[in-house]
Amino acid sequence: MSQVDVRRRVSSRFLASELRLIAVRRRNQVGLAALAAVPVVLAVAMKVATPEGPDRGDGPNFFSQILGNGFFVALAALGVELTLFLPIAVAMLAGDAVAGEANQGTLRYLLAVPVDRTRLLAVKYAGIVMGAFVAPLTVAVSGLVVGLLLFGGGNVTTLSGTQIGLGTALLRLLLVCLYLGVCLSALGAIGLFLSTLTEQPMGATIALAMLTVTSWILGQIPQLDWLHPYLLTRHWTDFGELLRDPVSPGALTPGLLSAGAYILVFLSAAWARFAGRDVTS
């Protein structure tokens, strides 16, 4: 067996081990449960507090359409959790990636296997990306199930006022989750960089959560409109474009390019920091 084959086997085994560790870690399981609980609470509150009737609201926003179609519970929950809960979930994974290993004293043992630091960093980021995509999918599935159970389904009215079938709407919902997964992966890249700067995973987690909240706040200040195009969260809510008919791919391009730029810059920064780091713990 060649040296390349050995390295690939080790890398695949290392990646599988990392993903398994993330999946079985109790706090990650609790975090996913919390993400899934929000749509349930939202749907039950809408069912109990809002009387049924022909008036479905003044406009085509997600909350106003929940009573008419449970499909919108998933979208409303994603919108609610995108500002804080989803970023915190990714921040927890990113904070643990390097700082958690250093804090537990296992980082030098990971580097003892025949995998260099670049490959280790790539595996860690792959685990973060997995979480970045699983988190919105968890919210969407939970919201979809409870929404259809409590309010039923049927044709879905888009933000353009047209109607599409439920099957097409489900595909749109999947695309929404994938788009948000890319956005959250950019957040994860920043978190990975922060995780290389400290041995305290909670510090990296809190810093990343505060960075996200700050980005949202700055985006609401009109006097800083010159800064808005560069903010991390600027294009996160563009997922609503996928609920228009027809979908304009160009409307999603700025968000994808912004996420790609953040990923490139902060993965490079994380590599530059971690490659020369003195690992003594």
Protein backbone atom coordinates (compact mmCIF):
# COMPACT_ATOMS: atom_id res chain seq x y z
CA MET A 1 0.00 0.00 0.00
CA SER A 2 1.40 3.40 -0.98
CA GLN A 3 2.02 6.24 1.42
CA VAL A 4 -0.80 8.24 -0.24
CA ASP A 5 -3.27 5.41 0.42
CA VAL A 6 -2.18 5.25 4.06
CA ARG A 7 -2.66 8.99 4.49
CA ARG A 8 -6.13 8.81 2.90
CA ARG A 9 -7.18 5.95 5.19
CA VAL A 10 -5.91 7.80 8.24
CA SER A 11 -7.64 11.00 7.12
CA SER A 12 -10.96 9.22 6.50
CA ARG A 13 -10.76 7.44 9.84
CA PHE A 14 -9.87 10.71 11.57
CA LEU A 15 -12.81 12.53 9.95
CA ALA A 16 -15.24 9.75 10.86
CA SER A 17 -13.95 9.84 14.43
CA GLU A 18 -14.42 13.61 14.63
CA LEU A 19 -17.97 13.47 13.27
CA ARG A 20 -18.85 10.66 15.65
CA LEU A 21 -17.44 12.64 18.59
CA ILE A 22 -19.53 15.66 17.66
CA ALA A 23 -22.67 13.53 17.26
CA VAL A 24 -22.39 11.75 20.63
CA ARG A 25 -21.31 14.76 22.70
CA ARG A 26 -24.13 15.40 25.15
CA ARG A 27 -24.12 19.20 24.92
CA ASN A 28 -24.44 19.01 21.14
CA GLN A 29 -27.41 16.68 21.46
CA VAL A 30 -29.02 19.04 23.98
CA GLY A 31 -28.34 21.95 21.63
CA LEU A 32 -30.07 20.21 18.72
CA ALA A 33 -33.01 19.37 20.97
CA ALA A 34 -33.28 23.04 21.94
CA LEU A 35 -33.21 24.09 18.29
CA ALA A 36 -35.98 21.59 17.49
CA ALA A 37 -38.08 22.73 20.47
CA VAL A 38 -38.41 26.34 19.29
CA PRO A 39 -40.66 25.53 16.28
CA VAL A 40 -42.84 23.37 18.54
CA VAL A 41 -43.30 26.19 21.05
CA LEU A 42 -43.96 28.64 18.22
CA ALA A 43 -46.58 26.43 16.58
CA VAL A 44 -48.37 25.62 19.83
CA ALA A 45 -48.43 29.31 20.78
CA MET A 46 -49.92 30.23 17.40
CA LYS A 47 -52.51 27.48 17.69
CA VAL A 48 -53.58 28.42 21.21
CA ALA A 49 -53.29 32.20 21.17
CA THR A 50 -54.52 33.05 17.67
CA PRO A 51 -58.19 32.41 16.82
CA GLU A 52 -58.95 30.61 13.60
CA GLY A 53 -60.77 32.56 10.96
CA PRO A 54 -60.61 33.84 7.40
CA ASP A 55 -58.29 36.74 8.30
CA ARG A 56 -54.76 35.44 7.81
CA GLY A 57 -52.96 38.73 8.34
CA ASP A 58 -52.19 41.85 6.36
CA GLY A 59 -49.29 40.61 4.25
CA PRO A 60 -47.43 37.61 2.90
CA ASN A 61 -45.05 37.31 5.87
CA PHE A 62 -44.31 33.91 7.38
CA PHE A 63 -46.14 34.39 10.67
CA SER A 64 -49.32 35.66 9.06
CA GLN A 65 -49.55 32.54 6.89
CA ILE A 66 -48.97 29.89 9.55
CA LEU A 67 -52.68 29.44 10.31
CA GLY A 68 -53.38 28.78 6.67
CA ASN A 69 -50.50 26.39 6.05
CA GLY A 70 -48.27 24.68 8.59
CA PHE A 71 -45.41 24.77 6.10
CA PHE A 72 -44.68 28.32 7.22
CA VAL A 73 -43.88 27.23 10.78
CA ALA A 74 -40.52 25.98 9.50
CA LEU A 75 -39.73 29.29 7.78
CA ALA A 76 -40.86 31.41 10.72
CA ALA A 77 -38.76 29.31 13.11
CA LEU A 78 -35.69 29.63 10.89
CA GLY A 79 -36.15 33.41 10.83
CA VAL A 80 -36.46 33.54 14.62
CA GLU A 81 -33.51 31.28 15.37
CA LEU A 82 -31.20 32.79 12.77
CA THR A 83 -30.49 35.85 14.90
CA LEU A 84 -29.15 34.00 17.94
CA PHE A 85 -29.86 30.29 18.48
CA LEU A 86 -28.38 28.96 15.23
CA PRO A 87 -25.20 31.09 15.58
CA ILE A 88 -24.77 29.90 19.17
CA ALA A 89 -25.04 26.28 18.02
CA VAL A 90 -22.26 26.83 15.48
CA ALA A 91 -20.23 28.86 17.99
CA MET A 92 -20.28 25.93 20.42
CA LEU A 93 -18.85 23.59 17.77
CA ALA A 94 -16.24 26.09 16.64
CA GLY A 95 -15.15 26.92 20.17
CA ASP A 96 -14.55 23.25 20.91
CA ALA A 97 -12.68 22.58 17.66
CA VAL A 98 -9.16 23.54 18.78
CA ALA A 99 -9.54 25.33 22.11
CA GLY A 100 -11.55 22.44 23.54
CA GLU A 101 -8.83 19.95 22.66
CA ALA A 102 -6.15 22.23 24.10
CA ASN A 103 -8.18 22.74 27.28
CA GLN A 104 -8.57 18.99 27.79
CA GLY A 105 -4.89 18.35 27.06
CA THR A 106 -5.61 16.13 24.05
CA LEU A 107 -4.38 18.43 21.28
CA ARG A 108 -0.79 17.18 21.27
CA TYR A 109 -2.00 13.58 21.16
CA LEU A 110 -4.10 14.34 18.09
CA LEU A 111 -1.01 15.76 16.42
CA ALA A 112 0.89 12.56 17.24
CA VAL A 113 -1.02 10.59 14.60
CA PRO A 114 0.36 10.70 11.03
CA VAL A 115 -1.78 13.74 10.15
CA ASP A 116 -0.20 17.15 9.88
CA ARG A 117 -1.69 20.32 11.34
CA THR A 118 -3.27 21.40 8.06
CA ARG A 119 -5.14 18.14 7.77
CA LEU A 120 -6.18 18.34 11.42
CA LEU A 121 -7.54 21.84 10.89
CA ALA A 122 -9.41 20.67 7.78
CA VAL A 123 -11.04 17.82 9.71
CA LYS A 124 -12.06 20.18 12.50
CA TYR A 125 -13.61 22.59 10.02
CA ALA A 126 -15.42 19.74 8.28
CA GLY A 127 -17.07 18.92 11.60
CA ILE A 128 -18.13 22.56 12.01
CA VAL A 129 -19.57 22.62 8.48
CA MET A 130 -21.56 19.47 9.21
CA GLY A 131 -23.08 21.20 12.24
CA ALA A 132 -23.73 24.35 10.20
CA PHE A 133 -25.91 22.37 7.79
CA VAL A 134 -27.51 20.02 10.32
CA ALA A 135 -28.69 22.87 12.57
CA PRO A 136 -31.04 24.64 10.11
CA LEU A 137 -32.22 21.28 8.77
CA THR A 138 -33.17 20.27 12.31
CA VAL A 139 -35.18 23.46 12.78
CA ALA A 140 -36.87 23.06 9.40
CA VAL A 141 -37.84 19.42 9.90
CA SER A 142 -39.16 20.07 13.40
CA GLY A 143 -41.16 23.07 12.22
CA LEU A 144 -42.48 21.24 9.19
CA VAL A 145 -43.68 18.22 11.19
CA VAL A 146 -45.39 20.16 13.96
CA GLY A 147 -46.77 22.71 11.51
CA LEU A 148 -48.39 20.14 9.24
CA LEU A 149 -49.80 18.29 12.26
CA LEU A 150 -51.39 21.38 13.80
CA PHE A 151 -52.34 23.44 10.75
CA GLY A 152 -52.29 21.08 7.76
CA GLY A 153 -50.60 21.62 4.42
CA GLY A 154 -51.59 22.27 0.82
CA ASN A 155 -50.44 24.68 -1.84
CA VAL A 156 -48.01 27.35 -0.63
CA THR A 157 -48.38 31.05 -1.40
CA THR A 158 -45.01 32.56 -2.30
CA LEU A 159 -43.79 36.02 -1.38
CA SER A 160 -44.67 37.00 -4.95
CA GLY A 161 -48.32 36.12 -4.36
CA THR A 162 -48.37 33.06 -6.62
CA GLN A 163 -49.01 29.51 -5.48
CA ILE A 164 -46.77 26.46 -5.76
CA GLY A 165 -47.37 22.84 -4.81
CA LEU A 166 -46.27 21.49 -1.46
CA GLY A 167 -43.64 19.28 -3.12
CA THR A 168 -42.05 22.28 -4.83
CA ALA A 169 -42.24 24.22 -1.57
CA LEU A 170 -40.38 21.44 0.25
CA LEU A 171 -37.60 21.66 -2.33
CA ARG A 172 -37.47 25.42 -1.77
CA LEU A 173 -37.24 24.80 1.99
CA LEU A 174 -34.31 22.46 1.45
CA LEU A 175 -32.57 25.14 -0.62
CA VAL A 176 -33.20 27.64 2.18
CA CYS A 177 -31.47 25.29 4.64
CA LEU A 178 -28.55 24.79 2.28
CA TYR A 179 -28.17 28.55 1.81
CA LEU A 180 -28.22 29.13 5.56
CA GLY A 181 -25.74 26.27 5.96
CA VAL A 182 -23.27 28.13 3.75
CA CYS A 183 -23.80 31.35 5.74
CA LEU A 184 -23.29 29.53 9.04
CA SER A 185 -20.20 27.81 7.64
CA ALA A 186 -18.68 31.28 7.19
CA LEU A 187 -19.45 31.97 10.84
CA GLY A 188 -17.79 28.65 11.68
CA ALA A 189 -14.63 29.68 9.85
CA ILE A 190 -14.38 32.77 12.05
CA GLY A 191 -15.02 30.59 15.10
CA LEU A 192 -12.27 28.18 14.08
CA PHE A 193 -9.83 31.07 13.90
CA LEU A 194 -10.92 32.31 17.34
CA SER A 195 -10.52 28.78 18.66
CA THR A 196 -6.85 28.78 17.65
CA LEU A 197 -6.23 31.92 19.72
CA THR A 198 -7.17 30.51 23.11
CA GLU A 199 -7.30 27.38 25.23
CA GLN A 200 -10.70 28.31 26.67
CA PRO A 201 -13.52 27.04 24.40
CA MET A 202 -16.14 29.08 26.25
CA GLY A 203 -14.18 32.24 25.52
CA ALA A 204 -14.15 31.51 21.78
CA THR A 205 -17.87 30.62 21.87
CA ILE A 206 -18.86 33.82 23.65
CA ALA A 207 -16.67 35.96 21.40
CA LEU A 208 -18.25 34.50 18.27
CA ALA A 209 -21.79 34.91 19.64
CA MET A 210 -21.05 38.54 20.54
CA LEU A 211 -19.60 39.12 17.08
CA THR A 212 -22.81 37.84 15.50
CA VAL A 213 -25.05 39.99 17.69
CA THR A 214 -22.86 43.03 16.99
CA SER A 215 -23.14 42.42 13.26
CA TRP A 216 -26.95 42.32 13.51
CA ILE A 217 -27.00 45.54 15.53
CA LEU A 218 -24.66 47.42 13.21
CA GLY A 219 -26.82 46.35 10.29
CA GLN A 220 -29.76 48.24 11.82
CA ILE A 221 -27.95 51.59 12.07
CA PRO A 222 -28.65 53.71 8.96
CA GLN A 223 -25.66 55.97 9.60
CA LEU A 224 -23.38 52.97 9.05
CA ASP A 225 -24.77 52.08 5.63
CA TRP A 226 -21.24 52.22 4.22
CA LEU A 227 -20.34 49.30 6.49
CA HIS A 228 -23.43 47.17 5.85
CA PRO A 229 -22.18 45.37 2.68
CA TYR A 230 -19.23 43.97 4.65
CA LEU A 231 -21.12 42.71 7.69
CA LEU A 232 -21.16 38.97 8.29
CA THR A 233 -24.95 38.79 8.70
CA ARG A 234 -25.79 41.23 5.91
CA HIS A 235 -27.17 38.65 3.49
CA TRP A 236 -28.40 35.95 5.87
CA THR A 237 -32.06 36.93 5.49
CA ASP A 238 -31.79 36.80 1.70
CA PHE A 239 -33.07 33.22 1.98
CA GLY A 240 -36.52 34.78 1.52
CA GLU A 241 -35.65 35.16 -2.17
CA LEU A 242 -36.08 31.41 -2.49
CA LEU A 243 -39.75 31.89 -1.60
CA ARG A 244 -40.40 34.14 -4.58
CA ASP A 245 -41.71 33.02 -7.95
CA PRO A 246 -39.68 32.81 -10.04
CA VAL A 247 -36.52 32.47 -7.98
CA SER A 248 -33.77 34.91 -8.95
CA PRO A 249 -30.40 33.17 -8.45
CA GLY A 250 -28.67 36.54 -8.78
CA ALA A 251 -30.32 37.72 -5.57
CA LEU A 252 -28.49 34.98 -3.64
CA THR A 253 -25.11 35.56 -5.27
CA PRO A 254 -23.97 38.39 -2.95
CA GLY A 255 -24.65 36.25 0.12
CA LEU A 256 -22.77 33.27 -1.29
CA LEU A 257 -19.83 35.42 -2.37
CA SER A 258 -19.71 37.11 1.03
CA ALA A 259 -19.74 33.75 2.81
CA GLY A 260 -17.02 32.44 0.49
CA ALA A 261 -14.84 35.47 1.19
CA TYR A 262 -15.21 35.09 4.96
CA ILE A 263 -14.42 31.38 4.72
CA LEU A 264 -11.29 31.98 2.64
CA VAL A 265 -9.95 34.79 4.81
CA PHE A 266 -10.55 33.21 8.21
CA LEU A 267 -9.54 29.67 7.27
CA SER A 268 -6.28 31.17 6.00
CA ALA A 269 -5.90 33.09 9.26
CA ALA A 270 -6.65 29.96 11.29
CA TRP A 271 -4.07 27.98 9.32
CA ALA A 272 -1.44 30.71 9.71
CA ARG A 273 -2.04 30.83 13.46
CA PHE A 274 -2.29 27.09 14.08
CA ALA A 275 0.59 26.04 11.82
CA GLY A 276 3.09 27.90 13.96
CA ARG A 277 1.42 27.39 17.33
CA ASP A 278 3.52 25.89 20.14
CA VAL A 279 1.39 23.02 21.43
CA THR A 280 2.53 22.16 24.93
CA SER A 281 -0.70 21.10 26.64
